[in-house]
C-alpha atoms as a PDB file:
ATOM      1  CA  MET A   1      75.164 113.739  90.653  1.00  0.00           C
ATOM      2  CA  ILE A   2      77.255 114.806  93.651  1.00  0.00           C
ATOM      3  CA  ILE A   3      80.938 115.049  92.706  1.00  0.00           C
ATOM      4  CA  ASP A   4      84.090 115.492  94.808  1.00  0.00           C
ATOM      5  CA  LEU A   5      87.379 115.406  92.907  1.00  0.00           C
ATOM      6  CA  HIS A   6      89.701 116.701  95.629  1.00  0.00           C
ATOM      7  CA  ILE A   7      90.082 114.529  98.741  1.00  0.00           C
ATOM      8  CA  HIS A   8      93.122 113.651 100.878  1.00  0.00           C
ATOM      9  CA  SER A   9      93.574 110.398 102.766  1.00  0.00           C
ATOM     10  CA  LYS A  10      95.418 109.410 105.910  1.00  0.00           C
ATOM     11  CA  SER A  11      96.565 106.259 104.132  1.00  0.00           C
ATOM     12  CA  CYS A  12      98.794 108.045 101.612  1.00  0.00           C
ATOM     13  CA  SER A  13      98.797 111.747 102.528  1.00  0.00           C
ATOM     14  CA  ASP A  14      97.951 114.219 105.286  1.00  0.00           C
ATOM     15  CA  GLY A  15      94.237 113.587 105.736  1.00  0.00           C
ATOM     16  CA  ASN A  16      92.602 112.222 108.889  1.00  0.00           C
ATOM     17  CA  LEU A  17      90.553 109.454 107.222  1.00  0.00           C
ATOM     18  CA  THR A  18      91.763 106.212 105.669  1.00  0.00           C
ATOM     19  CA  VAL A  19      90.798 105.304 102.118  1.00  0.00           C
ATOM     20  CA  GLU A  20      88.240 102.860 103.517  1.00  0.00           C
ATOM     21  CA  GLU A  21      86.694 105.570 105.714  1.00  0.00           C
ATOM     22  CA  ILE A  22      86.610 108.066 102.835  1.00  0.00           C
ATOM     23  CA  VAL A  23      84.761 105.681 100.519  1.00  0.00           C
ATOM     24  CA  LYS A  24      82.342 104.762 103.317  1.00  0.00           C
ATOM     25  CA  GLU A  25      81.639 108.442 103.972  1.00  0.00           C
ATOM     26  CA  ALA A  26      81.256 109.123 100.254  1.00  0.00           C
ATOM     27  CA  LYS A  27      78.641 106.368 100.069  1.00  0.00           C
ATOM     28  CA  ILE A  28      76.740 107.868 103.020  1.00  0.00           C
ATOM     29  CA  ARG A  29      76.813 111.287 101.350  1.00  0.00           C
ATOM     30  CA  ASN A  30      75.579 109.874  98.016  1.00  0.00           C
ATOM     31  CA  ILE A  31      78.690 110.982  96.126  1.00  0.00           C
ATOM     32  CA  GLY A  32      78.461 109.593  92.590  1.00  0.00           C
ATOM     33  CA  LEU A  33      81.912 110.513  91.274  1.00  0.00           C
ATOM     34  CA  MET A  34      85.064 110.979  93.314  1.00  0.00           C
ATOM     35  CA  SER A  35      88.838 111.104  93.278  1.00  0.00           C
ATOM     36  CA  ILE A  36      91.342 110.833  96.115  1.00  0.00           C
ATOM     37  CA  THR A  37      94.135 113.280  95.275  1.00  0.00           C
ATOM     38  CA  ASP A  38      96.894 112.676  97.786  1.00  0.00           C
ATOM     39  CA  HIS A  39      99.909 114.990  97.870  1.00  0.00           C
ATOM     40  CA  ASP A  40     102.635 113.677  95.537  1.00  0.00           C
ATOM     41  CA  SER A  41     101.450 110.100  96.088  1.00  0.00           C
ATOM     42  CA  ILE A  42      99.460 107.552  94.079  1.00  0.00           C
ATOM     43  CA  GLY A  43     100.058 104.609  96.402  1.00  0.00           C
ATOM     44  CA  CYS A  44      96.397 104.353  97.398  1.00  0.00           C
ATOM     45  CA  GLN A  45      94.834 104.654  93.951  1.00  0.00           C
ATOM     46  CA  GLU A  46      94.299 100.980  93.172  1.00  0.00           C
ATOM     47  CA  LYS A  47      92.702 100.355  96.571  1.00  0.00           C
ATOM     48  CA  ALA A  48      90.488 103.434  96.162  1.00  0.00           C
ATOM     49  CA  MET A  49      89.363 102.318  92.695  1.00  0.00           C
ATOM     50  CA  THR A  50      88.438  98.865  93.965  1.00  0.00           C
ATOM     51  CA  LEU A  51      86.541 100.150  97.006  1.00  0.00           C
ATOM     52  CA  ALA A  52      84.690 102.815  95.027  1.00  0.00           C
ATOM     53  CA  ARG A  53      83.618 100.255  92.417  1.00  0.00           C
ATOM     54  CA  LYS A  54      82.351  97.883  95.137  1.00  0.00           C
ATOM     55  CA  ASN A  55      80.261 100.732  96.557  1.00  0.00           C
ATOM     56  CA  GLY A  56      78.814 101.786  93.210  1.00  0.00           C
ATOM     57  CA  ILE A  57      80.792 105.046  93.060  1.00  0.00           C
ATOM     58  CA  ARG A  58      82.459 106.188  89.851  1.00  0.00           C
ATOM     59  CA  TYR A  59      86.136 106.922  90.380  1.00  0.00           C
ATOM     60  CA  VAL A  60      88.966 108.631  88.487  1.00  0.00           C
ATOM     61  CA  SER A  61      92.618 108.295  89.476  1.00  0.00           C
ATOM     62  CA  GLY A  62      93.980 111.404  91.148  1.00  0.00           C
ATOM     63  CA  VAL A  63      97.056 113.110  92.585  1.00  0.00           C
ATOM     64  CA  GLU A  64      97.954 116.610  93.765  1.00  0.00           C
ATOM     65  CA  LEU A  65     101.389 117.819  92.686  1.00  0.00           C
ATOM     66  CA  ASN A  66     103.126 120.748  94.342  1.00  0.00           C
ATOM     67  CA  VAL A  67     104.945 122.914  91.819  1.00  0.00           C
ATOM     68  CA  ALA A  68     107.436 125.774  92.159  1.00  0.00           C
ATOM     69  CA  PHE A  69     106.290 128.794  90.143  1.00  0.00           C
ATOM     70  CA  SER A  70     107.474 132.341  89.601  1.00  0.00           C
ATOM     71  CA  HIS A  71     106.486 135.270  87.393  1.00  0.00           C
ATOM     72  CA  PRO A  72     108.927 138.097  86.599  1.00  0.00           C
ATOM     73  CA  LYS A  73     106.253 140.806  87.026  1.00  0.00           C
ATOM     74  CA  TYR A  74     105.364 139.843  90.593  1.00  0.00           C
ATOM     75  CA  GLN A  75     107.318 139.685  93.874  1.00  0.00           C
ATOM     76  CA  ASN A  76     110.578 140.335  92.004  1.00  0.00           C
ATOM     77  CA  GLY A  77     110.312 136.895  90.436  1.00  0.00           C
ATOM     78  CA  LYS A  78     110.318 135.138  93.818  1.00  0.00           C
ATOM     79  CA  SER A  79     109.164 131.510  93.637  1.00  0.00           C
ATOM     80  CA  ILE A  80     105.887 130.412  95.240  1.00  0.00           C
ATOM     81  CA  SER A  81     104.075 127.083  95.460  1.00  0.00           C
ATOM     82  CA  LEU A  82     101.111 126.152  93.284  1.00  0.00           C
ATOM     83  CA  ASP A  83      99.135 122.910  93.329  1.00  0.00           C
ATOM     84  CA  PHE A  84      98.054 120.979  90.255  1.00  0.00           C
ATOM     85  CA  LEU A  85      95.648 118.056  90.162  1.00  0.00           C
ATOM     86  CA  GLY A  86      96.309 115.099  87.869  1.00  0.00           C
ATOM     87  CA  TYR A  87      93.368 112.910  86.815  1.00  0.00           C
ATOM     88  CA  GLN A  88      92.621 109.778  84.772  1.00  0.00           C
ATOM     89  CA  PHE A  89      96.270 108.739  84.457  1.00  0.00           C
ATOM     90  CA  ASP A  90      97.608 105.190  84.405  1.00  0.00           C
ATOM     91  CA  VAL A  91      98.430 104.436  88.045  1.00  0.00           C
ATOM     92  CA  LYS A  92     101.076 101.933  86.912  1.00  0.00           C
ATOM     93  CA  ASN A  93     102.993 104.428  84.770  1.00  0.00           C
ATOM     94  CA  LYS A  94     106.671 103.909  85.661  1.00  0.00           C
ATOM     95  CA  GLU A  95     107.886 107.446  84.951  1.00  0.00           C
ATOM     96  CA  LEU A  96     105.233 108.989  87.175  1.00  0.00           C
ATOM     97  CA  LYS A  97     105.760 106.421  89.953  1.00  0.00           C
ATOM     98  CA  ASN A  98     109.540 106.913  89.891  1.00  0.00           C
ATOM     99  CA  LYS A  99     109.265 110.693  90.129  1.00  0.00           C
ATOM    100  CA  LEU A 100     106.834 110.478  93.046  1.00  0.00           C
ATOM    101  CA  GLN A 101     109.237 108.092  94.796  1.00  0.00           C
ATOM    102  CA  GLN A 102     112.018 110.686  94.412  1.00  0.00           C
ATOM    103  CA  ILE A 103     109.727 113.344  95.879  1.00  0.00           C
ATOM    104  CA  ALA A 104     108.803 111.073  98.805  1.00  0.00           C
ATOM    105  CA  GLU A 105     112.479 110.503  99.600  1.00  0.00           C
ATOM    106  CA  TYR A 106     113.122 114.233  99.452  1.00  0.00           C
ATOM    107  CA  ARG A 107     110.222 114.815 101.877  1.00  0.00           C
ATOM    108  CA  GLU A 108     112.068 112.714 104.476  1.00  0.00           C
ATOM    109  CA  GLU A 109     115.248 114.783 104.004  1.00  0.00           C
ATOM    110  CA  ARG A 110     113.247 118.007 104.141  1.00  0.00           C
ATOM    111  CA  ALA A 111     111.499 116.961 107.363  1.00  0.00           C
ATOM    112  CA  ALA A 112     114.853 116.244 109.032  1.00  0.00           C
ATOM    113  CA  LYS A 113     116.104 119.713 108.060  1.00  0.00           C
ATOM    114  CA  ILE A 114     112.910 121.326 109.358  1.00  0.00           C
ATOM    115  CA  LEU A 115     113.436 119.580 112.716  1.00  0.00           C
ATOM    116  CA  ASP A 116     116.997 120.920 112.804  1.00  0.00           C
ATOM    117  CA  ASN A 117     115.624 124.441 112.292  1.00  0.00           C
ATOM    118  CA  ILE A 118     112.974 123.903 114.976  1.00  0.00           C
ATOM    119  CA  ASN A 119     115.707 122.791 117.382  1.00  0.00           C
ATOM    120  CA  VAL A 120     117.477 126.122 116.818  1.00  0.00           C
ATOM    121  CA  GLU A 121     114.276 127.892 117.912  1.00  0.00           C
ATOM    122  CA  PHE A 122     113.854 125.516 120.861  1.00  0.00           C
ATOM    123  CA  GLY A 123     117.425 126.349 121.943  1.00  0.00           C
ATOM    124  CA  LYS A 124     116.546 130.050 122.038  1.00  0.00           C
ATOM    125  CA  GLU A 125     113.447 129.327 124.141  1.00  0.00           C
ATOM    126  CA  GLY A 126     115.018 126.821 126.502  1.00  0.00           C
ATOM    127  CA  ILE A 127     112.850 123.958 125.221  1.00  0.00           C
ATOM    128  CA  GLU A 128     114.318 120.453 125.119  1.00  0.00           C
ATOM    129  CA  LYS A 129     115.459 119.712 121.577  1.00  0.00           C
ATOM    130  CA  LEU A 130     113.965 117.002 119.396  1.00  0.00           C
ATOM    131  CA  THR A 131     116.086 113.887 118.885  1.00  0.00           C
ATOM    132  CA  LYS A 132     116.463 111.121 116.315  1.00  0.00           C
ATOM    133  CA  LYS A 133     113.997 109.152 118.427  1.00  0.00           C
ATOM    134  CA  ASP A 134     111.441 111.946 117.988  1.00  0.00           C
ATOM    135  CA  PHE A 135     112.003 111.897 114.226  1.00  0.00           C
ATOM    136  CA  LYS A 136     111.447 108.138 114.146  1.00  0.00           C
ATOM    137  CA  GLU A 137     108.202 108.561 116.084  1.00  0.00           C
ATOM    138  CA  ILE A 138     107.016 111.162 113.577  1.00  0.00           C
ATOM    139  CA  GLN A 139     107.892 108.812 110.704  1.00  0.00           C
ATOM    140  CA  ALA A 140     106.054 105.955 112.418  1.00  0.00           C
ATOM    141  CA  SER A 141     102.899 108.092 112.647  1.00  0.00           C
ATOM    142  CA  VAL A 142     102.800 108.594 108.868  1.00  0.00           C
ATOM    143  CA  ASP A 143     100.796 106.215 106.696  1.00  0.00           C
ATOM    144  CA  GLY A 144     101.464 108.106 103.475  1.00  0.00           C
ATOM    145  CA  VAL A 145     103.999 110.787 102.594  1.00  0.00           C
ATOM    146  CA  LEU A 146     105.653 112.794 105.376  1.00  0.00           C
ATOM    147  CA  GLY A 147     104.742 116.461 105.546  1.00  0.00           C
ATOM    148  CA  ARG A 148     104.684 119.434 107.897  1.00  0.00           C
ATOM    149  CA  PRO A 149     101.204 118.562 109.260  1.00  0.00           C
ATOM    150  CA  HIS A 150     102.692 115.371 110.740  1.00  0.00           C
ATOM    151  CA  ILE A 151     105.366 117.407 112.525  1.00  0.00           C
ATOM    152  CA  ALA A 152     102.651 119.764 113.767  1.00  0.00           C
ATOM    153  CA  ASP A 153     100.645 116.826 115.141  1.00  0.00           C
ATOM    154  CA  TYR A 154     103.729 115.586 116.978  1.00  0.00           C
ATOM    155  CA  LEU A 155     104.392 118.992 118.568  1.00  0.00           C
ATOM    156  CA  VAL A 156     100.802 118.958 119.823  1.00  0.00           C
ATOM    157  CA  ARG A 157     101.199 115.440 121.248  1.00  0.00           C
ATOM    158  CA  LYS A 158     104.413 116.509 123.006  1.00  0.00           C
ATOM    159  CA  GLY A 159     102.539 119.408 124.614  1.00  0.00           C
ATOM    160  CA  ILE A 160     104.867 121.998 123.064  1.00  0.00           C
ATOM    161  CA  VAL A 161     101.932 123.707 121.328  1.00  0.00           C
ATOM    162  CA  ARG A 162      98.199 123.455 121.853  1.00  0.00           C
ATOM    163  CA  THR A 163      97.049 123.213 118.236  1.00  0.00           C
ATOM    164  CA  LYS A 164      98.364 122.409 114.753  1.00  0.00           C
ATOM    165  CA  GLN A 165      97.790 126.019 113.758  1.00  0.00           C
ATOM    166  CA  GLU A 166      99.933 127.204 116.660  1.00  0.00           C
ATOM    167  CA  ALA A 167     102.666 124.788 115.513  1.00  0.00           C
ATOM    168  CA  PHE A 168     102.649 126.402 112.082  1.00  0.00           C
ATOM    169  CA  ASP A 169     102.423 129.959 113.409  1.00  0.00           C
ATOM    170  CA  LYS A 170     105.247 129.552 115.939  1.00  0.00           C
ATOM    171  CA  TYR A 171     107.609 127.145 114.206  1.00  0.00           C
ATOM    172  CA  LEU A 172     106.738 125.491 110.910  1.00  0.00           C
ATOM    173  CA  VAL A 173     106.423 128.635 108.799  1.00  0.00           C
ATOM    174  CA  LYS A 174     109.610 130.150 110.182  1.00  0.00           C
ATOM    175  CA  CYS A 175     111.542 126.871 110.051  1.00  0.00           C
ATOM    176  CA  ASP A 176     110.408 125.744 106.616  1.00  0.00           C
ATOM    177  CA  VAL A 177     112.710 124.234 103.995  1.00  0.00           C
ATOM    178  CA  PRO A 178     112.013 124.461 100.233  1.00  0.00           C
ATOM    179  CA  LYS A 179     109.953 121.639  98.732  1.00  0.00           C
ATOM    180  CA  TYR A 180     111.137 119.360  95.946  1.00  0.00           C
ATOM    181  CA  PRO A 181     111.776 121.570  92.883  1.00  0.00           C
ATOM    182  CA  LEU A 182     109.088 120.293  90.514  1.00  0.00           C
ATOM    183  CA  TYR A 183     108.101 122.749  87.775  1.00  0.00           C
ATOM    184  CA  ILE A 184     104.907 123.026  85.741  1.00  0.00           C
ATOM    185  CA  GLU A 185     106.548 121.845  82.514  1.00  0.00           C
ATOM    186  CA  GLU A 186     107.628 118.566  84.114  1.00  0.00           C
ATOM    187  CA  ALA A 187     104.437 118.079  86.130  1.00  0.00           C
ATOM    188  CA  SER A 188     102.349 118.525  82.991  1.00  0.00           C
ATOM    189  CA  ARG A 189     104.506 116.166  80.949  1.00  0.00           C
ATOM    190  CA  LEU A 190     104.427 113.467  83.652  1.00  0.00           C
ATOM    191  CA  VAL A 191     100.632 113.478  83.946  1.00  0.00           C
ATOM    192  CA  ARG A 192      99.941 113.749  80.230  1.00  0.00           C
ATOM    193  CA  ASN A 193     102.486 111.066  79.326  1.00  0.00           C
ATOM    194  CA  ALA A 194     100.685 108.785  81.787  1.00  0.00           C
ATOM    195  CA  GLY A 195      97.486 109.339  79.798  1.00  0.00           C
ATOM    196  CA  GLY A 196      96.002 111.858  82.214  1.00  0.00           C
ATOM    197  CA  ILE A 197      94.881 115.468  82.343  1.00  0.00           C
ATOM    198  CA  ILE A 198      96.243 118.233  84.560  1.00  0.00           C
ATOM    199  CA  VAL A 199      94.189 120.879  86.351  1.00  0.00           C
ATOM    200  CA  LEU A 200      95.226 124.033  88.216  1.00  0.00           C
ATOM    201  CA  ALA A 201      93.988 123.585  91.789  1.00  0.00           C
ATOM    202  CA  HIS A 202      92.268 126.289  93.908  1.00  0.00           C
ATOM    203  CA  PRO A 203      93.811 129.232  91.961  1.00  0.00           C
ATOM    204  CA  ASN A 204      92.591 131.849  94.463  1.00  0.00           C
ATOM    205  CA  ASP A 205      92.824 129.889  97.716  1.00  0.00           C
ATOM    206  CA  PRO A 206      93.134 132.496 100.513  1.00  0.00           C
ATOM    207  CA  HIS A 207      95.172 130.020 102.592  1.00  0.00           C
ATOM    208  CA  GLY A 208      98.063 130.214 100.144  1.00  0.00           C
ATOM    209  CA  THR A 209      99.474 127.667  97.670  1.00  0.00           C
ATOM    210  CA  SER A 210      97.679 129.679  95.011  1.00  0.00           C
ATOM    211  CA  LEU A 211      97.995 132.688  92.748  1.00  0.00           C
ATOM    212  CA  GLY A 212      96.325 134.617  95.564  1.00  0.00           C
ATOM    213  CA  GLU A 213      99.783 134.698  97.119  1.00  0.00           C
ATOM    214  CA  VAL A 214     101.032 136.658  94.091  1.00  0.00           C
ATOM    215  CA  THR A 215      98.067 138.967  93.535  1.00  0.00           C
ATOM    216  CA  LYS A 216      94.556 139.293  94.972  1.00  0.00           C
ATOM    217  CA  SER A 217      93.256 140.558  91.612  1.00  0.00           C
ATOM    218  CA  LEU A 218      91.325 137.798  89.828  1.00  0.00           C
ATOM    219  CA  HIS A 219      91.968 139.556  86.512  1.00  0.00           C
ATOM    220  CA  GLU A 220      95.715 139.584  87.125  1.00  0.00           C
ATOM    221  CA  GLN A 221      95.612 135.923  88.194  1.00  0.00           C
ATOM    222  CA  THR A 222      94.052 134.843  84.914  1.00  0.00           C
ATOM    223  CA  GLU A 223      96.504 137.020  82.978  1.00  0.00           C
ATOM    224  CA  ILE A 224      99.337 135.099  84.672  1.00  0.00           C
ATOM    225  CA  ILE A 225      97.688 131.797  83.741  1.00  0.00           C
ATOM    226  CA  GLU A 226      97.335 132.900  80.124  1.00  0.00           C
ATOM    227  CA  GLU A 227     100.969 134.002  79.945  1.00  0.00           C
ATOM    228  CA  SER A 228     102.738 131.210  81.832  1.00  0.00           C
ATOM    229  CA  ILE A 229     100.472 128.257  82.666  1.00  0.00           C
ATOM    230  CA  LEU A 230      97.688 127.826  80.092  1.00  0.00           C
ATOM    231  CA  ARG A 231      99.634 125.685  77.627  1.00  0.00           C
ATOM    232  CA  TYR A 232     100.498 123.190  80.359  1.00  0.00           C
ATOM    233  CA  ILE A 233      97.000 122.597  81.748  1.00  0.00           C
ATOM    234  CA  ASP A 234      93.787 120.971  80.601  1.00  0.00           C
ATOM    235  CA  GLY A 235      91.495 122.423  83.235  1.00  0.00           C
ATOM    236  CA  VAL A 236      90.970 124.587  86.299  1.00  0.00           C
ATOM    237  CA  GLU A 237      89.354 123.836  89.665  1.00  0.00           C
ATOM    238  CA  CYS A 238      86.423 126.251  89.573  1.00  0.00           C
ATOM    239  CA  TRP A 239      84.604 124.963  92.660  1.00  0.00           C
ATOM    240  CA  HIS A 240      86.483 124.689  95.955  1.00  0.00           C
ATOM    241  CA  SER A 241      85.409 124.740  99.597  1.00  0.00           C
ATOM    242  CA  ARG A 242      87.265 128.019 100.246  1.00  0.00           C
ATOM    243  CA  ASN A 243      86.062 129.818  97.118  1.00  0.00           C
ATOM    244  CA  ASP A 244      83.735 132.778  97.335  1.00  0.00           C
ATOM    245  CA  ALA A 245      81.073 133.251  94.631  1.00  0.00           C
ATOM    246  CA  LEU A 246      83.163 135.892  92.846  1.00  0.00           C
ATOM    247  CA  THR A 247      86.127 133.508  92.488  1.00  0.00           C
ATOM    248  CA  THR A 248      83.988 130.611  91.278  1.00  0.00           C
ATOM    249  CA  ASN A 249      82.157 132.712  88.696  1.00  0.00           C
ATOM    250  CA  HIS A 250      85.389 134.322  87.464  1.00  0.00           C
ATOM    251  CA  TYR A 251      87.077 130.978  86.887  1.00  0.00           C
ATOM    252  CA  ILE A 252      84.003 129.417  85.261  1.00  0.00           C
ATOM    253  CA  GLU A 253      84.026 132.278  82.759  1.00  0.00           C
ATOM    254  CA  PHE A 254      87.783 131.908  82.250  1.00  0.00           C
ATOM    255  CA  ALA A 255      87.518 128.138  81.708  1.00  0.00           C
ATOM    256  CA  LYS A 256      84.730 128.570  79.169  1.00  0.00           C
ATOM    257  CA  LYS A 257      86.732 131.225  77.324  1.00  0.00           C
ATOM    258  CA  HIS A 258      89.675 128.854  76.872  1.00  0.00           C
ATOM    259  CA  GLY A 259      87.783 125.572  76.497  1.00  0.00           C
ATOM    260  CA  LEU A 260      89.197 124.194  79.750  1.00  0.00           C
ATOM    261  CA  ILE A 261      87.783 121.324  81.771  1.00  0.00           C
ATOM    262  CA  MET A 262      86.078 122.584  84.956  1.00  0.00           C
ATOM    263  CA  THR A 263      86.472 120.547  88.156  1.00  0.00           C
ATOM    264  CA  GLY A 264      85.470 120.933  91.773  1.00  0.00           C
ATOM    265  CA  GLY A 265      86.221 119.416  95.137  1.00  0.00           C
ATOM    266  CA  SER A 266      86.076 119.863  98.871  1.00  0.00           C
ATOM    267  CA  ASP A 267      89.849 119.516  99.466  1.00  0.00           C
ATOM    268  CA  CYS A 268      88.729 117.390 102.409  1.00  0.00           C
ATOM    269  CA  HIS A 269      91.402 116.421 104.931  1.00  0.00           C
ATOM    270  CA  GLN A 270      89.089 115.275 107.737  1.00  0.00           C
END
C-alpha cells in the first residue's frame, strides 16, 4: 500500500492544491492511505474524509502543529520551532478547535506586524510601502490560515521580488515575528485529549523547523528527544521527502527502541 500522511492543502493551509485536487491526485497515484495535515488548521478534515471515502482511499484525520521548543544544553537555551503531527483525533473536539481558532487569529496579528517590519526595510530601500489595502489583498488570497508564504506570493505578484525564495531571503526571515507560543506539553495534551496520537515531524529536516537547527548530530538529536520530548509523543516521522538514508535508518532504529509509531509523508505543498 502507498501511504502519504503529510500533505498540505490550499483550502486550509499553504499548499498549492485544493482538497479536491489532492484527493484526485492521490487516486491517480494509487495512494491507499492518506492524511491532509494543514498547519494549525482542521477546517478541511471533514471534507477530506468524505472525498477520500468516495474515492476508496483510507483516511486519518491530521494536523501539523508548530511548537516552541528549547533545550538548556544547546544555543544557550534559545527557542526554536518544531513541528508535530496529530492523527486520528476527533475533528469536532471543542478544545482543539478553540485553540486552533486562537492560533489563526494570532496569525493575522503576526502577519500585520511582519508587514510593518517589511515596510521599515522598504523605507531604507526607497520602495513604496505596503498599505492596509495590500494587507486586505493578501488576506483575500488565503483560503486557509495566513502565513509567510502568502506574503511571499504577494511580493512576487507585486514585482518586488522574482521568487518566493527571494522574498524569504531578502525580507521574511529578517522581518519575522514570533509564532503563537504553543509548547509541546499543551500540543500533546490537546491531541491526546481529542482521542488522537502525536508524532514528531521531520526531526532532521535540513530546511529548519527541526532538531537539525539545534544540532546536526543524529545521536544528539535523539538524546534531546529522550530527555525532553519522548513522554509527550506517540511516534516519529521516519520517512520524509527531505530525509537522507542515514536519517531514515537512524529514526527507524530509534522508534523501534522506544516502541514508537513510525509514520511517513511527502510534506507535499504542490
